Amino acid sequence: MATILLADDDAAVRDLVRRALSAEGHTVHVTQDGLEALEFFNANGGPIDLLVTDVDMPQLDGISLAEKALTAQSNLAVVLMSGFSDQLERAAGLRARRLLSIAKPFTLDQIKQVVRTVLA
């Protein structure tokens, strides 16, 4: 199973995604925003398999977070979550080999499937 770093400023979304991915057997590290996620990423000794992040967050948005994380770990898989499709268009420049997005709102089954796909 994968080690996942989750970043979202919405507590309800964080809880939903954490429960869904933990139920799949993944280890999920939960952070409240992009800065906290970047601090965790930089402080964590071992590699993260997957970054699941909201695009629209204060201070450090999900795309900027993904860019910084990919610079440090180029093989990182990324799932971007957003309620606004125009925000996802900004992700076109990300240099991730494994990158998927999911539109909010989504179901438990939808987030599970996206994660399975990006990790496959």
PDB file of N, CA and C in Angstrom:
ATOM      1  N   MET A   1       0.827  -1.189   0.000  1.00  0.00           N
ATOM      2  CA  MET A   1       0.000   0.000   0.000  1.00  0.00           C
ATOM      3  C   MET A   1       0.871   1.251   0.000  1.00  0.00           C
ATOM      4  N   ALA A   2       0.263   2.373  -0.305  1.00  0.00           N
ATOM      5  CA  ALA A   2       1.000   3.617  -0.517  1.00  0.00           C
ATOM      6  C   ALA A   2       1.033   4.493   0.729  1.00  0.00           C
ATOM      7  N   THR A   3       2.054   5.349   0.767  1.00  0.00           N
ATOM      8  CA  THR A   3       2.138   6.410   1.761  1.00  0.00           C
ATOM      9  C   THR A   3       1.665   7.680   1.069  1.00  0.00           C
ATOM     10  N   ILE A   4       0.605   8.276   1.612  1.00  0.00           N
ATOM     11  CA  ILE A   4      -0.069   9.397   0.968  1.00  0.00           C
ATOM     12  C   ILE A   4       0.009  10.629   1.857  1.00  0.00           C
ATOM     13  N   LEU A   5       0.309  11.764   1.238  1.00  0.00           N
ATOM     14  CA  LEU A   5       0.261  13.059   1.910  1.00  0.00           C
ATOM     15  C   LEU A   5      -0.964  13.790   1.384  1.00  0.00           C
ATOM     16  N   LEU A   6      -1.871  14.132   2.283  1.00  0.00           N
ATOM     17  CA  LEU A   6      -3.130  14.788   1.940  1.00  0.00           C
ATOM     18  C   LEU A   6      -3.100  16.226   2.437  1.00  0.00           C
ATOM     19  N   ALA A   7      -3.418  17.167   1.548  1.00  0.00           N
ATOM     20  CA  ALA A   7      -3.469  18.582   1.924  1.00  0.00           C
ATOM     21  C   ALA A   7      -4.788  19.178   1.449  1.00  0.00           C
ATOM     22  N   ASP A   8      -5.584  19.655   2.399  1.00  0.00           N
ATOM     23  CA  ASP A   8      -6.838  20.329   2.066  1.00  0.00           C
ATOM     24  C   ASP A   8      -7.227  21.218   3.229  1.00  0.00           C
ATOM     25  N   ASP A   9      -7.669  22.422   2.937  1.00  0.00           N
ATOM     26  CA  ASP A   9      -8.045  23.348   4.004  1.00  0.00           C
ATOM     27  C   ASP A   9      -9.477  23.156   4.487  1.00  0.00           C
ATOM     28  N   ASP A  10     -10.200  22.218   3.905  1.00  0.00           N
ATOM     29  CA  ASP A  10     -11.576  21.920   4.316  1.00  0.00           C
ATOM     30  C   ASP A  10     -11.575  20.646   5.164  1.00  0.00           C
ATOM     31  N   ALA A  11     -11.926  20.787   6.437  1.00  0.00           N
ATOM     32  CA  ALA A  11     -11.876  19.652   7.367  1.00  0.00           C
ATOM     33  C   ALA A  11     -12.769  18.497   6.923  1.00  0.00           C
ATOM     34  N   ALA A  12     -13.933  18.798   6.368  1.00  0.00           N
ATOM     35  CA  ALA A  12     -14.849  17.736   5.940  1.00  0.00           C
ATOM     36  C   ALA A  12     -14.250  16.928   4.789  1.00  0.00           C
ATOM     37  N   VAL A  13     -13.607  17.606   3.849  1.00  0.00           N
ATOM     38  CA  VAL A  13     -12.970  16.912   2.728  1.00  0.00           C
ATOM     39  C   VAL A  13     -11.793  16.093   3.233  1.00  0.00           C
ATOM     40  N   ARG A  14     -10.980  16.682   4.115  1.00  0.00           N
ATOM     41  CA  ARG A  14      -9.835  15.938   4.676  1.00  0.00           C
ATOM     42  C   ARG A  14     -10.315  14.652   5.330  1.00  0.00           C
ATOM     43  N   ASP A  15     -11.372  14.734   6.115  1.00  0.00           N
ATOM     44  CA  ASP A  15     -11.868  13.552   6.819  1.00  0.00           C
ATOM     45  C   ASP A  15     -12.401  12.511   5.837  1.00  0.00           C
ATOM     46  N   LEU A  16     -13.148  12.945   4.844  1.00  0.00           N
ATOM     47  CA  LEU A  16     -13.707  12.034   3.847  1.00  0.00           C
ATOM     48  C   LEU A  16     -12.594  11.291   3.113  1.00  0.00           C
ATOM     49  N   VAL A  17     -11.607  12.044   2.625  1.00  0.00           N
ATOM     50  CA  VAL A  17     -10.523  11.437   1.843  1.00  0.00           C
ATOM     51  C   VAL A  17      -9.665  10.544   2.732  1.00  0.00           C
ATOM     52  N   ARG A  18      -9.359  10.996   3.943  1.00  0.00           N
ATOM     53  CA  ARG A  18      -8.562  10.175   4.865  1.00  0.00           C
ATOM     54  C   ARG A  18      -9.252   8.846   5.134  1.00  0.00           C
ATOM     55  N   ARG A  19     -10.542   8.894   5.444  1.00  0.00           N
ATOM     56  CA  ARG A  19     -11.289   7.653   5.721  1.00  0.00           C
ATOM     57  C   ARG A  19     -11.304   6.730   4.511  1.00  0.00           C
ATOM     58  N   ALA A  20     -11.553   7.294   3.342  1.00  0.00           N
ATOM     59  CA  ALA A  20     -11.626   6.479   2.120  1.00  0.00           C
ATOM     60  C   ALA A  20     -10.298   5.796   1.832  1.00  0.00           C
ATOM     61  N   LEU A  21      -9.207   6.538   1.931  1.00  0.00           N
ATOM     62  CA  LEU A  21      -7.901   5.976   1.568  1.00  0.00           C
ATOM     63  C   LEU A  21      -7.327   5.085   2.661  1.00  0.00           C
ATOM     64  N   SER A  22      -7.606   5.402   3.909  1.00  0.00           N
ATOM     65  CA  SER A  22      -7.185   4.517   5.006  1.00  0.00           C
ATOM     66  C   SER A  22      -7.900   3.181   4.913  1.00  0.00           C
ATOM     67  N   ALA A  23      -9.165   3.210   4.527  1.00  0.00           N
ATOM     68  CA  ALA A  23      -9.939   1.971   4.380  1.00  0.00           C
ATOM     69  C   ALA A  23      -9.370   1.081   3.277  1.00  0.00           C
ATOM     70  N   GLU A  24      -8.667   1.684   2.327  1.00  0.00           N
ATOM     71  CA  GLU A  24      -8.014   0.933   1.250  1.00  0.00           C
ATOM     72  C   GLU A  24      -6.676   0.363   1.697  1.00  0.00           C
ATOM     73  N   GLY A  25      -6.237   0.698   2.924  1.00  0.00           N
ATOM     74  CA  GLY A  25      -4.981   0.172   3.450  1.00  0.00           C
ATOM     75  C   GLY A  25      -3.796   1.104   3.329  1.00  0.00           C
ATOM     76  N   HIS A  26      -4.026   2.319   2.823  1.00  0.00           N
ATOM     77  CA  HIS A  26      -2.946   3.288   2.666  1.00  0.00           C
ATOM     78  C   HIS A  26      -2.632   3.979   3.995  1.00  0.00           C
ATOM     79  N   THR A  27      -1.401   4.441   4.134  1.00  0.00           N
ATOM     80  CA  THR A  27      -1.007   5.296   5.249  1.00  0.00           C
ATOM     81  C   THR A  27      -1.225   6.730   4.787  1.00  0.00           C
ATOM     82  N   VAL A  28      -2.081   7.476   5.500  1.00  0.00           N
ATOM     83  CA  VAL A  28      -2.439   8.828   5.074  1.00  0.00           C
ATOM     84  C   VAL A  28      -1.980   9.831   6.124  1.00  0.00           C
ATOM     85  N   HIS A  29      -1.126  10.764   5.712  1.00  0.00           N
ATOM     86  CA  HIS A  29      -0.682  11.864   6.571  1.00  0.00           C
ATOM     87  C   HIS A  29      -1.500  13.084   6.173  1.00  0.00           C
ATOM     88  N   VAL A  30      -2.217  13.644   7.131  1.00  0.00           N
ATOM     89  CA  VAL A  30      -3.165  14.722   6.858  1.00  0.00           C
ATOM     90  C   VAL A  30      -2.582  16.067   7.267  1.00  0.00           C
ATOM     91  N   THR A  31      -2.676  17.046   6.345  1.00  0.00           N
ATOM     92  CA  THR A  31      -2.250  18.410   6.631  1.00  0.00           C
ATOM     93  C   THR A  31      -3.362  19.375   6.237  1.00  0.00           C
ATOM     94  N   GLN A  32      -3.345  20.556   6.866  1.00  0.00           N
ATOM     95  CA  GLN A  32      -4.446  21.510   6.708  1.00  0.00           C
ATOM     96  C   GLN A  32      -4.270  22.486   5.552  1.00  0.00           C
ATOM     97  N   ASP A  33      -3.075  22.596   5.023  1.00  0.00           N
ATOM     98  CA  ASP A  33      -2.851  23.529   3.917  1.00  0.00           C
ATOM     99  C   ASP A  33      -1.535  23.195   3.223  1.00  0.00           C
ATOM    100  N   GLY A  34      -1.240  23.954   2.188  1.00  0.00           N
ATOM    101  CA  GLY A  34      -0.045  23.691   1.408  1.00  0.00           C
ATOM    102  C   GLY A  34       1.251  23.877   2.167  1.00  0.00           C
ATOM    103  N   LEU A  35       1.317  24.917   3.018  1.00  0.00           N
ATOM    104  CA  LEU A  35       2.545  25.147   3.789  1.00  0.00           C
ATOM    105  C   LEU A  35       2.813  24.017   4.769  1.00  0.00           C
ATOM    106  N   GLU A  36       1.768  23.575   5.458  1.00  0.00           N
ATOM    107  CA  GLU A  36       1.941  22.467   6.407  1.00  0.00           C
ATOM    108  C   GLU A  36       2.347  21.197   5.665  1.00  0.00           C
ATOM    109  N   ALA A  37       1.763  20.979   4.504  1.00  0.00           N
ATOM    110  CA  ALA A  37       2.111  19.794   3.711  1.00  0.00           C
ATOM    111  C   ALA A  37       3.563  19.857   3.247  1.00  0.00           C
ATOM    112  N   LEU A  38       4.001  21.035   2.812  1.00  0.00           N
ATOM    113  CA  LEU A  38       5.388  21.176   2.367  1.00  0.00           C
ATOM    114  C   LEU A  38       6.357  20.963   3.526  1.00  0.00           C
ATOM    115  N   GLU A  39       6.025  21.486   4.683  1.00  0.00           N
ATOM    116  CA  GLU A  39       6.862  21.267   5.868  1.00  0.00           C
ATOM    117  C   GLU A  39       6.940  19.788   6.202  1.00  0.00           C
ATOM    118  N   PHE A  40       5.798  19.092   6.155  1.00  0.00           N
ATOM    119  CA  PHE A  40       5.787  17.657   6.416  1.00  0.00           C
ATOM    120  C   PHE A  40       6.631  16.932   5.379  1.00  0.00           C
ATOM    121  N   PHE A  41       6.447  17.285   4.126  1.00  0.00           N
ATOM    122  CA  PHE A  41       7.173  16.638   3.033  1.00  0.00           C
ATOM    123  C   PHE A  41       8.680  16.796   3.223  1.00  0.00           C
ATOM    124  N   ASN A  42       9.105  18.003   3.538  1.00  0.00           N
ATOM    125  CA  ASN A  42      10.533  18.276   3.711  1.00  0.00           C
ATOM    126  C   ASN A  42      11.113  17.625   4.965  1.00  0.00           C
ATOM    127  N   ALA A  43      10.318  17.488   6.015  1.00  0.00           N
ATOM    128  CA  ALA A  43      10.794  16.927   7.283  1.00  0.00           C
ATOM    129  C   ALA A  43      10.728  15.403   7.306  1.00  0.00           C
ATOM    130  N   ASN A  44       9.879  14.829   6.456  1.00  0.00           N
ATOM    131  CA  ASN A  44       9.665  13.386   6.449  1.00  0.00           C
ATOM    132  C   ASN A  44      10.890  12.691   5.878  1.00  0.00           C
ATOM    133  N   GLY A  45      11.398  11.708   6.598  1.00  0.00           N
ATOM    134  CA  GLY A  45      12.591  11.005   6.146  1.00  0.00           C
ATOM    135  C   GLY A  45      12.376  10.112   4.944  1.00  0.00           C
ATOM    136  N   GLY A  46      11.233   9.465   4.881  1.00  0.00           N
ATOM    137  CA  GLY A  46      10.977   8.512   3.806  1.00  0.00           C
ATOM    138  C   GLY A  46      10.200   9.139   2.668  1.00  0.00           C
ATOM    139  N   PRO A  47      10.175   8.470   1.541  1.00  0.00           N
ATOM    140  CA  PRO A  47       9.466   9.018   0.389  1.00  0.00           C
ATOM    141  C   PRO A  47       7.941   8.931   0.553  1.00  0.00           C
ATOM    142  N   ILE A  48       7.283   9.856  -0.070  1.00  0.00           N
ATOM    143  CA  ILE A  48       5.827   9.862  -0.166  1.00  0.00           C
ATOM    144  C   ILE A  48       5.505   9.288  -1.545  1.00  0.00           C
ATOM    145  N   ASP A  49       4.548   8.380  -1.621  1.00  0.00           N
ATOM    146  CA  ASP A  49       4.175   7.795  -2.904  1.00  0.00           C
ATOM    147  C   ASP A  49       3.220   8.686  -3.687  1.00  0.00           C
ATOM    148  N   LEU A  50       2.341   9.378  -2.940  1.00  0.00           N
ATOM    149  CA  LEU A  50       1.266  10.129  -3.588  1.00  0.00           C
ATOM    150  C   LEU A  50       0.948  11.382  -2.796  1.00  0.00           C
ATOM    151  N   LEU A  51       0.810  12.494  -3.506  1.00  0.00           N
ATOM    152  CA  LEU A  51       0.331  13.746  -2.945  1.00  0.00           C
ATOM    153  C   LEU A  51      -1.090  13.940  -3.437  1.00  0.00           C
ATOM    154  N   VAL A  52      -2.038  14.046  -2.507  1.00  0.00           N
ATOM    155  CA  VAL A  52      -3.428  14.361  -2.834  1.00  0.00           C
ATOM    156  C   VAL A  52      -3.678  15.746  -2.261  1.00  0.00           C
ATOM    157  N   THR A  53      -3.946  16.719  -3.134  1.00  0.00           N
ATOM    158  CA  THR A  53      -4.048  18.092  -2.666  1.00  0.00           C
ATOM    159  C   THR A  53      -5.181  18.860  -3.323  1.00  0.00           C
ATOM    160  N   ASP A  54      -5.789  19.711  -2.515  1.00  0.00           N
ATOM    161  CA  ASP A  54      -6.748  20.669  -3.032  1.00  0.00           C
ATOM    162  C   ASP A  54      -5.959  21.697  -3.828  1.00  0.00           C
ATOM    163  N   VAL A  55      -6.542  22.223  -4.884  1.00  0.00           N
ATOM    164  CA  VAL A  55      -5.860  23.241  -5.671  1.00  0.00           C
ATOM    165  C   VAL A  55      -5.961  24.600  -4.986  1.00  0.00           C
ATOM    166  N   ASP A  56      -7.140  24.944  -4.501  1.00  0.00           N
ATOM    167  CA  ASP A  56      -7.388  26.271  -3.948  1.00  0.00           C
ATOM    168  C   ASP A  56      -7.224  26.263  -2.430  1.00  0.00           C
ATOM    169  N   MET A  57      -6.053  26.699  -1.973  1.00  0.00           N
ATOM    170  CA  MET A  57      -5.774  26.803  -0.538  1.00  0.00           C
ATOM    171  C   MET A  57      -5.054  28.112  -0.279  1.00  0.00           C
ATOM    172  N   PRO A  58      -5.233  28.675   0.911  1.00  0.00           N
ATOM    173  CA  PRO A  58      -4.524  29.919   1.235  1.00  0.00           C
ATOM    174  C   PRO A  58      -3.018  29.677   1.403  1.00  0.00           C
ATOM    175  N   GLN A  59      -2.254  30.708   1.246  1.00  0.00           N
ATOM    176  CA  GLN A  59      -0.802  30.729   1.433  1.00  0.00           C
ATOM    177  C   GLN A  59      -0.054  29.993   0.332  1.00  0.00           C
ATOM    178  N   LEU A  60      -0.219  28.687   0.228  1.00  0.00           N
ATOM    179  CA  LEU A  60       0.460  27.902  -0.805  1.00  0.00           C
ATOM    180  C   LEU A  60      -0.580  26.985  -1.444  1.00  0.00           C
ATOM    181  N   ASP A  61      -0.927  27.273  -2.707  1.00  0.00           N
ATOM    182  CA  ASP A  61      -1.970  26.469  -3.345  1.00  0.00           C
ATOM    183  C   ASP A  61      -1.434  25.089  -3.742  1.00  0.00           C
ATOM    184  N   GLY A  62      -2.347  24.224  -4.121  1.00  0.00           N
ATOM    185  CA  GLY A  62      -1.982  22.847  -4.413  1.00  0.00           C
ATOM    186  C   GLY A  62      -1.059  22.667  -5.598  1.00  0.00           C
ATOM    187  N   ILE A  63      -1.180  23.516  -6.601  1.00  0.00           N
ATOM    188  CA  ILE A  63      -0.308  23.391  -7.765  1.00  0.00           C
ATOM    189  C   ILE A  63       1.113  23.805  -7.397  1.00  0.00           C
ATOM    190  N   SER A  64       1.256  24.888  -6.643  1.00  0.00           N
ATOM    191  CA  SER A  64       2.586  25.307  -6.186  1.00  0.00           C
ATOM    192  C   SER A  64       3.195  24.257  -5.263  1.00  0.00           C
ATOM    193  N   LEU A  65       2.366  23.682  -4.402  1.00  0.00           N
ATOM    194  CA  LEU A  65       2.824  22.606  -3.528  1.00  0.00           C
ATOM    195  C   LEU A  65       3.333  21.432  -4.362  1.00  0.00           C
ATOM    196  N   ALA A  66       2.562  21.032  -5.361  1.00  0.00           N
ATOM    197  CA  ALA A  66       2.961  19.908  -6.213  1.00  0.00           C
ATOM    198  C   ALA A  66       4.267  20.208  -6.944  1.00  0.00           C
ATOM    199  N   GLU A  67       4.423  21.434  -7.449  1.00  0.00           N
ATOM    200  CA  GLU A  67       5.666  21.806  -8.135  1.00  0.00           C
ATOM    201  C   GLU A  67       6.871  21.652  -7.213  1.00  0.00           C
ATOM    202  N   LYS A  68       6.751  22.145  -5.985  1.00  0.00           N
ATOM    203  CA  LYS A  68       7.853  22.068  -5.025  1.00  0.00           C
ATOM    204  C   LYS A  68       8.138  20.611  -4.641  1.00  0.00           C
ATOM    205  N   ALA A  69       7.094  19.831  -4.420  1.00  0.00           N
ATOM    206  CA  ALA A  69       7.272  18.431  -4.043  1.00  0.00           C
ATOM    207  C   ALA A  69       7.894  17.634  -5.190  1.00  0.00           C
ATOM    208  N   LEU A  70       7.477  17.917  -6.420  1.00  0.00           N
ATOM    209  CA  LEU A  70       8.029  17.210  -7.579  1.00  0.00           C
ATOM    210  C   LEU A  70       9.489  17.563  -7.819  1.00  0.00           C
ATOM    211  N   THR A  71       9.893  18.762  -7.453  1.00  0.00           N
ATOM    212  CA  THR A  71      11.298  19.141  -7.566  1.00  0.00           C
ATOM    213  C   THR A  71      12.150  18.273  -6.650  1.00  0.00           C
ATOM    214  N   ALA A  72      11.620  17.984  -5.465  1.00  0.00           N
ATOM    215  CA  ALA A  72      12.356  17.165  -4.497  1.00  0.00           C
ATOM    216  C   ALA A  72      12.238  15.673  -4.788  1.00  0.00           C
ATOM    217  N   GLN A  73      11.109  15.249  -5.354  1.00  0.00           N
ATOM    218  CA  GLN A  73      10.851  13.825  -5.588  1.00  0.00           C
ATOM    219  C   GLN A  73      10.124  13.679  -6.927  1.00  0.00           C
ATOM    220  N   SER A  74      10.878  13.535  -7.988  1.00  0.00           N
ATOM    221  CA  SER A  74      10.316  13.577  -9.338  1.00  0.00           C
ATOM    222  C   SER A  74       9.375  12.416  -9.665  1.00  0.00           C
ATOM    223  N   ASN A  75       9.470  11.318  -8.940  1.00  0.00           N
ATOM    224  CA  ASN A  75       8.608  10.169  -9.221  1.00  0.00           C
ATOM    225  C   ASN A  75       7.296  10.206  -8.439  1.00  0.00           C
ATOM    226  N   LEU A  76       7.027  11.303  -7.747  1.00  0.00           N
ATOM    227  CA  LEU A  76       5.822  11.457  -6.942  1.00  0.00           C
ATOM    228  C   LEU A  76       4.576  11.433  -7.818  1.00  0.00           C
ATOM    229  N   ALA A  77       3.581  10.672  -7.411  1.00  0.00           N
ATOM    230  CA  ALA A  77       2.273  10.705  -8.068  1.00  0.00           C
ATOM    231  C   ALA A  77       1.463  11.826  -7.424  1.00  0.00           C
ATOM    232  N   VAL A  78       0.598  12.479  -8.220  1.00  0.00           N
ATOM    233  CA  VAL A  78      -0.157  13.629  -7.732  1.00  0.00           C
ATOM    234  C   VAL A  78      -1.618  13.506  -8.151  1.00  0.00           C
ATOM    235  N   VAL A  79      -2.522  13.759  -7.192  1.00  0.00           N
ATOM    236  CA  VAL A  79      -3.947  13.908  -7.475  1.00  0.00           C
ATOM    237  C   VAL A  79      -4.348  15.299  -7.017  1.00  0.00           C
ATOM    238  N   LEU A  80      -4.883  16.082  -7.955  1.00  0.00           N
ATOM    239  CA  LEU A  80      -5.357  17.426  -7.658  1.00  0.00           C
ATOM    240  C   LEU A  80      -6.878  17.408  -7.519  1.00  0.00           C
ATOM    241  N   MET A  81      -7.379  18.031  -6.467  1.00  0.00           N
ATOM    242  CA  MET A  81      -8.814  18.118  -6.225  1.00  0.00           C
ATOM    243  C   MET A  81      -9.237  19.576  -6.353  1.00  0.00           C
ATOM    244  N   SER A  82     -10.350  19.826  -7.058  1.00  0.00           N
ATOM    245  CA  SER A  82     -10.825  21.195  -7.178  1.00  0.00           C
ATOM    246  C   SER A  82     -12.300  21.231  -7.523  1.00  0.00           C
ATOM    247  N   GLY A  83     -12.953  22.249  -7.018  1.00  0.00           N
ATOM    248  CA  GLY A  83     -14.342  22.500  -7.370  1.00  0.00           C
ATOM    249  C   GLY A  83     -14.466  23.418  -8.564  1.00  0.00           C
ATOM    250  N   PHE A  84     -13.334  23.884  -9.092  1.00  0.00           N
ATOM    251  CA  PHE A  84     -13.332  24.837 -10.195  1.00  0.00           C
ATOM    252  C   PHE A  84     -12.466  24.303 -11.325  1.00  0.00           C
ATOM    253  N   SER A  85     -13.082  23.975 -12.457  1.00  0.00           N
ATOM    254  CA  SER A  85     -12.343  23.353 -13.558  1.00  0.00           C
ATOM    255  C   SER A  85     -11.259  24.267 -14.122  1.00  0.00           C
ATOM    256  N   ASP A  86     -11.458  25.590 -14.075  1.00  0.00           N
ATOM    257  CA  ASP A  86     -10.436  26.487 -14.606  1.00  0.00           C
ATOM    258  C   ASP A  86      -9.139  26.410 -13.799  1.00  0.00           C
ATOM    259  N   GLN A  87      -9.247  26.085 -12.516  1.00  0.00           N
ATOM    260  CA  GLN A  87      -8.040  25.936 -11.691  1.00  0.00           C
ATOM    261  C   GLN A  87      -7.227  24.725 -12.133  1.00  0.00           C
ATOM    262  N   LEU A  88      -7.906  23.688 -12.547  1.00  0.00           N
ATOM    263  CA  LEU A  88      -7.206  22.475 -12.964  1.00  0.00           C
ATOM    264  C   LEU A  88      -6.425  22.695 -14.260  1.00  0.00           C
ATOM    265  N   GLU A  89      -6.855  23.646 -15.083  1.00  0.00           N
ATOM    266  CA  GLU A  89      -6.131  23.955 -16.310  1.00  0.00           C
ATOM    267  C   GLU A  89      -4.721  24.460 -16.004  1.00  0.00           C
ATOM    268  N   ARG A  90      -4.547  25.122 -14.865  1.00  0.00           N
ATOM    269  CA  ARG A  90      -3.227  25.613 -14.454  1.00  0.00           C
ATOM    270  C   ARG A  90      -2.245  24.470 -14.239  1.00  0.00           C
ATOM    271  N   ALA A  91      -2.745  23.272 -14.020  1.00  0.00           N
ATOM    272  CA  ALA A  91      -1.890  22.125 -13.725  1.00  0.00           C
ATOM    273  C   ALA A  91      -1.217  21.557 -14.972  1.00  0.00           C
ATOM    274  N   ALA A  92      -1.567  22.066 -16.137  1.00  0.00           N
ATOM    275  CA  ALA A  92      -1.016  21.524 -17.382  1.00  0.00           C
ATOM    276  C   ALA A  92       0.511  21.585 -17.417  1.00  0.00           C
ATOM    277  N   GLY A  93       1.100  22.541 -16.724  1.00  0.00           N
ATOM    278  CA  GLY A  93       2.550  22.680 -16.731  1.00  0.00           C
ATOM    279  C   GLY A  93       3.288  21.813 -15.728  1.00  0.00           C
ATOM    280  N   LEU A  94       2.560  21.091 -14.893  1.00  0.00           N
ATOM    281  CA  LEU A  94       3.219  20.234 -13.905  1.00  0.00           C
ATOM    282  C   LEU A  94       3.966  19.100 -14.595  1.00  0.00           C
ATOM    283  N   ARG A  95       5.166  18.840 -14.134  1.00  0.00           N
ATOM    284  CA  ARG A  95       5.985  17.783 -14.737  1.00  0.00           C
ATOM    285  C   ARG A  95       5.909  16.506 -13.920  1.00  0.00           C
ATOM    286  N   ALA A  96       4.703  16.022 -13.777  1.00  0.00           N
ATOM    287  CA  ALA A  96       4.495  14.769 -13.050  1.00  0.00           C
ATOM    288  C   ALA A  96       4.254  13.655 -14.057  1.00  0.00           C
ATOM    289  N   ARG A  97       4.908  12.541 -13.847  1.00  0.00           N
ATOM    290  CA  ARG A  97       4.683  11.386 -14.718  1.00  0.00           C
ATOM    291  C   ARG A  97       3.313  10.783 -14.468  1.00  0.00           C
ATOM    292  N   ARG A  98       2.890  10.883 -13.210  1.00  0.00           N
ATOM    293  CA  ARG A  98       1.585  10.327 -12.828  1.00  0.00           C
ATOM    294  C   ARG A  98       0.778  11.453 -12.178  1.00  0.00           C
ATOM    295  N   LEU A  99      -0.157  12.016 -12.937  1.00  0.00           N
ATOM    296  CA  LEU A  99      -0.955  13.150 -12.479  1.00  0.00           C
ATOM    297  C   LEU A  99      -2.391  12.956 -12.913  1.00  0.00           C
ATOM    298  N   LEU A 100      -3.295  13.011 -11.950  1.00  0.00           N
ATOM    299  CA  LEU A 100      -4.730  12.965 -12.246  1.00  0.00           C
ATOM    300  C   LEU A 100      -5.411  14.066 -11.454  1.00  0.00           C
ATOM    301  N   SER A 101      -6.608  14.411 -11.886  1.00  0.00           N
ATOM    302  CA  SER A 101      -7.398  15.384 -11.139  1.00  0.00           C
ATOM    303  C   SER A 101      -8.788  14.818 -10.914  1.00  0.00           C
ATOM    304  N   ILE A 102      -9.455  15.383  -9.910  1.00  0.00           N
ATOM    305  CA  ILE A 102     -10.814  14.984  -9.597  1.00  0.00           C
ATOM    306  C   ILE A 102     -11.582  16.241  -9.213  1.00  0.00           C
ATOM    307  N   ALA A 103     -12.786  16.361  -9.751  1.00  0.00           N
ATOM    308  CA  ALA A 103     -13.621  17.530  -9.481  1.00  0.00           C
ATOM    309  C   ALA A 103     -14.433  17.303  -8.210  1.00  0.00           C
ATOM    310  N   LYS A 104     -14.495  18.356  -7.396  1.00  0.00           N
ATOM    311  CA  LYS A 104     -15.346  18.329  -6.207  1.00  0.00           C
ATOM    312  C   LYS A 104     -16.748  18.773  -6.623  1.00  0.00           C
ATOM    313  N   PRO A 105     -17.776  18.236  -6.005  1.00  0.00           N
ATOM    314  CA  PRO A 105     -17.749  17.178  -4.991  1.00  0.00           C
ATOM    315  C   PRO A 105     -17.569  15.808  -5.639  1.00  0.00           C
ATOM    316  N   PHE A 106     -17.008  14.872  -4.867  1.00  0.00           N
ATOM    317  CA  PHE A 106     -16.812  13.515  -5.350  1.00  0.00           C
ATOM    318  C   PHE A 106     -17.245  12.551  -4.254  1.00  0.00           C
ATOM    319  N   THR A 107     -17.403  11.285  -4.656  1.00  0.00           N
ATOM    320  CA  THR A 107     -17.812  10.252  -3.706  1.00  0.00           C
ATOM    321  C   THR A 107     -16.586   9.512  -3.194  1.00  0.00           C
ATOM    322  N   LEU A 108     -16.791   8.724  -2.153  1.00  0.00           N
ATOM    323  CA  LEU A 108     -15.711   7.870  -1.640  1.00  0.00           C
ATOM    324  C   LEU A 108     -15.189   6.951  -2.738  1.00  0.00           C
ATOM    325  N   ASP A 109     -16.099   6.344  -3.478  1.00  0.00           N
ATOM    326  CA  ASP A 109     -15.686   5.426  -4.536  1.00  0.00           C
ATOM    327  C   ASP A 109     -14.902   6.141  -5.627  1.00  0.00           C
ATOM    328  N   GLN A 110     -15.276   7.368  -5.956  1.00  0.00           N
ATOM    329  CA  GLN A 110     -14.561   8.105  -6.998  1.00  0.00           C
ATOM    330  C   GLN A 110     -13.129   8.424  -6.576  1.00  0.00           C
ATOM    331  N   ILE A 111     -12.921   8.882  -5.348  1.00  0.00           N
ATOM    332  CA  ILE A 111     -11.559   9.200  -4.918  1.00  0.00           C
ATOM    333  C   ILE A 111     -10.725   7.925  -4.808  1.00  0.00           C
ATOM    334  N   LYS A 112     -11.325   6.846  -4.354  1.00  0.00           N
ATOM    335  CA  LYS A 112     -10.604   5.577  -4.290  1.00  0.00           C
ATOM    336  C   LYS A 112     -10.141   5.142  -5.678  1.00  0.00           C
ATOM    337  N   GLN A 113     -11.024   5.280  -6.675  1.00  0.00           N
ATOM    338  CA  GLN A 113     -10.691   4.851  -8.031  1.00  0.00           C
ATOM    339  C   GLN A 113      -9.591   5.718  -8.639  1.00  0.00           C
ATOM    340  N   VAL A 114      -9.656   7.017  -8.424  1.00  0.00           N
ATOM    341  CA  VAL A 114      -8.613   7.906  -8.942  1.00  0.00           C
ATOM    342  C   VAL A 114      -7.261   7.541  -8.345  1.00  0.00           C
ATOM    343  N   VAL A 115      -7.233   7.273  -7.052  1.00  0.00           N
ATOM    344  CA  VAL A 115      -5.976   6.907  -6.391  1.00  0.00           C
ATOM    345  C   VAL A 115      -5.476   5.565  -6.907  1.00  0.00           C
ATOM    346  N   ARG A 116      -6.347   4.600  -7.070  1.00  0.00           N
ATOM    347  CA  ARG A 116      -5.928   3.311  -7.628  1.00  0.00           C
ATOM    348  C   ARG A 116      -5.311   3.504  -9.013  1.00  0.00           C
ATOM    349  N   THR A 117      -5.945   4.326  -9.826  1.00  0.00           N
ATOM    350  CA  THR A 117      -5.479   4.558 -11.193  1.00  0.00           C
ATOM    351  C   THR A 117      -4.115   5.228 -11.225  1.00  0.00           C
ATOM    352  N   VAL A 118      -3.930   6.287 -10.426  1.00  0.00           N
ATOM    353  CA  VAL A 118      -2.675   7.029 -10.465  1.00  0.00           C
ATOM    354  C   VAL A 118      -1.520   6.211  -9.882  1.00  0.00           C
ATOM    355  N   LEU A 119      -1.825   5.289  -8.986  1.00  0.00           N
ATOM    356  CA  LEU A 119      -0.778   4.459  -8.374  1.00  0.00           C
ATOM    357  C   LEU A 119      -0.457   3.209  -9.200  1.00  0.00           C
ATOM    358  N   ALA A 120      -1.333   2.880 -10.150  1.00  0.00           N
ATOM    359  CA  ALA A 120      -1.148   1.646 -10.949  1.00  0.00           C
ATOM    360  C   ALA A 120       0.044   1.746 -11.876  1.00  0.00           C
TER     361      ALA A 120
END
